[in-house]
C-alpha cells in the first residue's frame, strides 16, 4: 500500500504542468479592433504592431463572419500567428454598427477570463477601412 501511495504522489508531480501556458512568440497582441456590419454579417479589422530592424510597422488583417468570434477566426486563418485580443485597448465601431445591441455582440470578448474589461469604444463615421490604414513607419529607441 505504501508503494502505491508513493508512486501516486510521484506521478502527480509529473502530471502537474503549465496546461494554460501561452507563449508570446506564438501570439500577436491586438490593441485595436475595428468592427462594421450588422448582426449576422460582421467585418472585423484587427490591427497589430511588428518591430523589425529598429522600426515599428502596423499591420491590419480583415476577417468576416456571423459573429465577432468568427471574424477573429477568419482573420487568424490569414496570419501566421494567433491573434490575441486579451490586451485590447480600443474598439472602433462604424456608424450603423453602433445602432445594434453591442452588449450581445461583444459579450464573447469580455467573457474570457484573461480579457481586460477596460476597453474603450469609439464611434466613427463612414467606412472602417480608412481608419485602420497606417502607411508610415515609426522609429524605435530602446533605452537601458
C-alpha atoms as a PDB file:
ATOM      1  CA  UNK A   1       0.000   0.000   0.000  1.00  0.00           C
ATOM      2  CA  UNK A   2       2.860   2.350   0.807  1.00  0.00           C
ATOM      3  CA  UNK A   3       4.405   1.694  -2.622  1.00  0.00           C
ATOM      4  CA  UNK A   4       1.183   2.585  -4.396  1.00  0.00           C
ATOM      5  CA  UNK A   5       0.818   5.807  -2.400  1.00  0.00           C
ATOM      6  CA  UNK A   6       4.451   6.727  -3.062  1.00  0.00           C
ATOM      7  CA  UNK A   7       4.108   6.033  -6.797  1.00  0.00           C
ATOM      8  CA  UNK A   8       0.850   8.020  -6.929  1.00  0.00           C
ATOM      9  CA  UNK A   9       2.476  11.031  -5.294  1.00  0.00           C
ATOM     10  CA  UNK A  10       5.499  10.804  -7.611  1.00  0.00           C
ATOM     11  CA  UNK A  11       3.259  10.570 -10.699  1.00  0.00           C
ATOM     12  CA  UNK A  12       1.149  13.528  -9.579  1.00  0.00           C
ATOM     13  CA  UNK A  13       4.254  15.745  -9.818  1.00  0.00           C
ATOM     14  CA  UNK A  14       4.733  14.601 -13.411  1.00  0.00           C
ATOM     15  CA  UNK A  15       1.143  15.457 -14.288  1.00  0.00           C
ATOM     16  CA  UNK A  16       1.274  18.961 -12.846  1.00  0.00           C
ATOM     17  CA  UNK A  17       2.346  21.398 -15.507  1.00  0.00           C
ATOM     18  CA  UNK A  18       1.520  24.560 -17.343  1.00  0.00           C
ATOM     19  CA  UNK A  19      -1.566  23.438 -19.196  1.00  0.00           C
ATOM     20  CA  UNK A  20      -2.685  27.021 -19.824  1.00  0.00           C
ATOM     21  CA  UNK A  21       0.713  28.401 -20.817  1.00  0.00           C
ATOM     22  CA  UNK A  22       0.695  30.926 -23.652  1.00  0.00           C
ATOM     23  CA  UNK A  23       3.924  31.673 -25.420  1.00  0.00           C
ATOM     24  CA  UNK A  24       4.088  35.240 -26.667  1.00  0.00           C
ATOM     25  CA  UNK A  25       6.284  34.199 -29.564  1.00  0.00           C
ATOM     26  CA  UNK A  26       3.261  32.351 -30.982  1.00  0.00           C
ATOM     27  CA  UNK A  27       0.789  35.203 -30.387  1.00  0.00           C
ATOM     28  CA  UNK A  28       0.119  38.562 -31.948  1.00  0.00           C
ATOM     29  CA  UNK A  29      -1.219  41.129 -29.481  1.00  0.00           C
ATOM     30  CA  UNK A  30      -4.111  43.112 -30.972  1.00  0.00           C
ATOM     31  CA  UNK A  31      -4.631  46.503 -29.240  1.00  0.00           C
ATOM     32  CA  UNK A  32      -7.058  47.922 -31.839  1.00  0.00           C
ATOM     33  CA  UNK A  33     -10.178  46.348 -33.323  1.00  0.00           C
ATOM     34  CA  UNK A  34     -12.465  47.931 -35.888  1.00  0.00           C
ATOM     35  CA  UNK A  35     -15.946  46.486 -36.426  1.00  0.00           C
ATOM     36  CA  UNK A  36     -18.592  47.245 -39.002  1.00  0.00           C
ATOM     37  CA  UNK A  37     -21.685  45.486 -40.239  1.00  0.00           C
ATOM     38  CA  UNK A  38     -24.908  44.292 -38.701  1.00  0.00           C
ATOM     39  CA  UNK A  39     -25.937  41.269 -36.614  1.00  0.00           C
ATOM     40  CA  UNK A  40     -25.240  38.140 -38.624  1.00  0.00           C
ATOM     41  CA  UNK A  41     -22.866  39.870 -41.055  1.00  0.00           C
ATOM     42  CA  UNK A  42     -19.820  41.357 -39.302  1.00  0.00           C
ATOM     43  CA  UNK A  43     -16.464  42.518 -40.602  1.00  0.00           C
ATOM     44  CA  UNK A  44     -13.582  42.917 -38.159  1.00  0.00           C
ATOM     45  CA  UNK A  45     -10.285  44.731 -38.726  1.00  0.00           C
ATOM     46  CA  UNK A  46      -7.541  43.572 -36.359  1.00  0.00           C
ATOM     47  CA  UNK A  47      -4.541  45.926 -36.141  1.00  0.00           C
ATOM     48  CA  UNK A  48      -1.273  44.860 -34.536  1.00  0.00           C
ATOM     49  CA  UNK A  49       2.329  46.051 -34.454  1.00  0.00           C
ATOM     50  CA  UNK A  50       5.544  44.386 -35.528  1.00  0.00           C
ATOM     51  CA  UNK A  51       9.049  45.553 -34.613  1.00  0.00           C
ATOM     52  CA  UNK A  52      11.848  44.785 -37.040  1.00  0.00           C
ATOM     53  CA  UNK A  53      15.194  46.450 -37.715  1.00  0.00           C
ATOM     54  CA  UNK A  54      14.526  49.310 -35.305  1.00  0.00           C
ATOM     55  CA  UNK A  55      11.182  50.351 -36.749  1.00  0.00           C
ATOM     56  CA  UNK A  56       7.569  49.675 -35.890  1.00  0.00           C
ATOM     57  CA  UNK A  57       5.183  48.720 -38.637  1.00  0.00           C
ATOM     58  CA  UNK A  58       1.422  48.403 -38.319  1.00  0.00           C
ATOM     59  CA  UNK A  59      -0.491  45.611 -39.969  1.00  0.00           C
ATOM     60  CA  UNK A  60      -4.220  45.131 -40.289  1.00  0.00           C
ATOM     61  CA  UNK A  61      -5.935  41.888 -41.169  1.00  0.00           C
ATOM     62  CA  UNK A  62      -9.610  41.668 -42.069  1.00  0.00           C
ATOM     63  CA  UNK A  63     -11.987  38.897 -41.116  1.00  0.00           C
ATOM     64  CA  UNK A  64     -15.691  38.393 -41.687  1.00  0.00           C
ATOM     65  CA  UNK A  65     -18.359  36.168 -40.209  1.00  0.00           C
ATOM     66  CA  UNK A  66     -21.690  35.906 -38.445  1.00  0.00           C
ATOM     67  CA  UNK A  67     -20.206  36.788 -35.028  1.00  0.00           C
ATOM     68  CA  UNK A  68     -17.189  38.633 -33.630  1.00  0.00           C
ATOM     69  CA  UNK A  69     -15.594  35.306 -32.697  1.00  0.00           C
ATOM     70  CA  UNK A  70     -15.986  34.066 -36.268  1.00  0.00           C
ATOM     71  CA  UNK A  71     -14.401  37.255 -37.642  1.00  0.00           C
ATOM     72  CA  UNK A  72     -11.374  36.617 -35.420  1.00  0.00           C
ATOM     73  CA  UNK A  73     -11.156  33.003 -36.580  1.00  0.00           C
ATOM     74  CA  UNK A  74     -11.339  34.137 -40.204  1.00  0.00           C
ATOM     75  CA  UNK A  75      -8.604  36.719 -39.583  1.00  0.00           C
ATOM     76  CA  UNK A  76      -6.473  34.068 -37.823  1.00  0.00           C
ATOM     77  CA  UNK A  77      -6.501  31.986 -40.992  1.00  0.00           C
ATOM     78  CA  UNK A  78      -4.844  34.910 -42.809  1.00  0.00           C
ATOM     79  CA  UNK A  79      -1.937  35.370 -40.370  1.00  0.00           C
ATOM     80  CA  UNK A  80       0.999  33.197 -39.331  1.00  0.00           C
ATOM     81  CA  UNK A  81       0.469  33.837 -35.604  1.00  0.00           C
ATOM     82  CA  UNK A  82      -2.625  33.628 -33.445  1.00  0.00           C
ATOM     83  CA  UNK A  83      -4.430  36.928 -32.858  1.00  0.00           C
ATOM     84  CA  UNK A  84      -4.744  37.599 -29.137  1.00  0.00           C
ATOM     85  CA  UNK A  85      -7.395  40.149 -28.143  1.00  0.00           C
ATOM     86  CA  UNK A  86      -6.857  39.891 -24.386  1.00  0.00           C
ATOM     87  CA  UNK A  87      -4.857  43.159 -24.431  1.00  0.00           C
ATOM     88  CA  UNK A  88      -7.455  45.018 -26.488  1.00  0.00           C
ATOM     89  CA  UNK A  89      -7.500  48.761 -25.763  1.00  0.00           C
ATOM     90  CA  UNK A  90      -9.828  50.362 -28.326  1.00  0.00           C
ATOM     91  CA  UNK A  91     -12.767  49.103 -30.369  1.00  0.00           C
ATOM     92  CA  UNK A  92     -13.837  51.315 -33.265  1.00  0.00           C
ATOM     93  CA  UNK A  93     -17.464  50.979 -34.336  1.00  0.00           C
ATOM     94  CA  UNK A  94     -18.774  52.186 -37.693  1.00  0.00           C
ATOM     95  CA  UNK A  95     -21.899  54.385 -37.733  1.00  0.00           C
ATOM     96  CA  UNK A  96     -24.665  51.835 -38.360  1.00  0.00           C
ATOM     97  CA  UNK A  97     -22.958  49.216 -36.190  1.00  0.00           C
ATOM     98  CA  UNK A  98     -23.380  51.397 -33.115  1.00  0.00           C
ATOM     99  CA  UNK A  99     -27.155  51.256 -33.525  1.00  0.00           C
ATOM    100  CA  UNK A 100     -27.248  47.490 -32.906  1.00  0.00           C
ATOM    101  CA  UNK A 101     -27.118  45.918 -29.440  1.00  0.00           C
ATOM    102  CA  UNK A 102     -23.370  45.993 -28.827  1.00  0.00           C
ATOM    103  CA  UNK A 103     -23.665  44.202 -25.484  1.00  0.00           C
ATOM    104  CA  UNK A 104     -24.669  40.961 -27.199  1.00  0.00           C
ATOM    105  CA  UNK A 105     -22.164  41.480 -29.993  1.00  0.00           C
ATOM    106  CA  UNK A 106     -19.089  41.955 -27.811  1.00  0.00           C
ATOM    107  CA  UNK A 107     -20.122  39.650 -24.998  1.00  0.00           C
ATOM    108  CA  UNK A 108     -17.768  36.971 -26.329  1.00  0.00           C
ATOM    109  CA  UNK A 109     -14.764  39.274 -25.871  1.00  0.00           C
ATOM    110  CA  UNK A 110     -15.476  40.046 -22.226  1.00  0.00           C
ATOM    111  CA  UNK A 111     -16.453  36.562 -21.038  1.00  0.00           C
ATOM    112  CA  UNK A 112     -12.914  35.275 -21.468  1.00  0.00           C
ATOM    113  CA  UNK A 113     -11.209  35.367 -18.049  1.00  0.00           C
ATOM    114  CA  UNK A 114      -7.943  36.703 -19.471  1.00  0.00           C
ATOM    115  CA  UNK A 115      -9.557  39.664 -21.251  1.00  0.00           C
ATOM    116  CA  UNK A 116      -9.354  43.186 -19.957  1.00  0.00           C
ATOM    117  CA  UNK A 117     -12.613  44.943 -19.145  1.00  0.00           C
ATOM    118  CA  UNK A 118     -11.250  48.461 -19.591  1.00  0.00           C
ATOM    119  CA  UNK A 119     -11.705  48.587 -23.362  1.00  0.00           C
ATOM    120  CA  UNK A 120     -12.739  51.933 -24.810  1.00  0.00           C
ATOM    121  CA  UNK A 121     -15.338  52.168 -27.558  1.00  0.00           C
ATOM    122  CA  UNK A 122     -15.088  54.870 -30.230  1.00  0.00           C
ATOM    123  CA  UNK A 123     -17.708  55.575 -32.871  1.00  0.00           C
ATOM    124  CA  UNK A 124     -16.586  56.599 -36.350  1.00  0.00           C
ATOM    125  CA  UNK A 125     -18.454  57.827 -39.400  1.00  0.00           C
ATOM    126  CA  UNK A 126     -18.431  56.062 -42.756  1.00  0.00           C
ATOM    127  CA  UNK A 127     -16.427  53.004 -43.724  1.00  0.00           C
ATOM    128  CA  UNK A 128     -13.987  51.411 -41.274  1.00  0.00           C
ATOM    129  CA  UNK A 129     -11.116  50.617 -43.684  1.00  0.00           C
ATOM    130  CA  UNK A 130      -9.687  54.176 -43.968  1.00  0.00           C
ATOM    131  CA  UNK A 131      -9.417  54.422 -40.172  1.00  0.00           C
ATOM    132  CA  UNK A 132      -7.410  51.207 -39.979  1.00  0.00           C
ATOM    133  CA  UNK A 133      -4.718  52.153 -42.518  1.00  0.00           C
ATOM    134  CA  UNK A 134      -1.343  53.438 -41.344  1.00  0.00           C
ATOM    135  CA  UNK A 135       1.262  53.853 -44.025  1.00  0.00           C
ATOM    136  CA  UNK A 136       4.326  55.362 -42.360  1.00  0.00           C
ATOM    137  CA  UNK A 137       6.722  53.536 -40.064  1.00  0.00           C
ATOM    138  CA  UNK A 138       7.960  54.888 -36.756  1.00  0.00           C
ATOM    139  CA  UNK A 139      11.466  54.524 -35.369  1.00  0.00           C
ATOM    140  CA  UNK A 140      12.016  52.782 -32.073  1.00  0.00           C
ATOM    141  CA  UNK A 141      14.519  53.918 -29.492  1.00  0.00           C
ATOM    142  CA  UNK A 142      15.207  51.431 -26.718  1.00  0.00           C
ATOM    143  CA  UNK A 143      16.951  52.680 -23.595  1.00  0.00           C
ATOM    144  CA  UNK A 144      18.511  50.657 -20.801  1.00  0.00           C
END
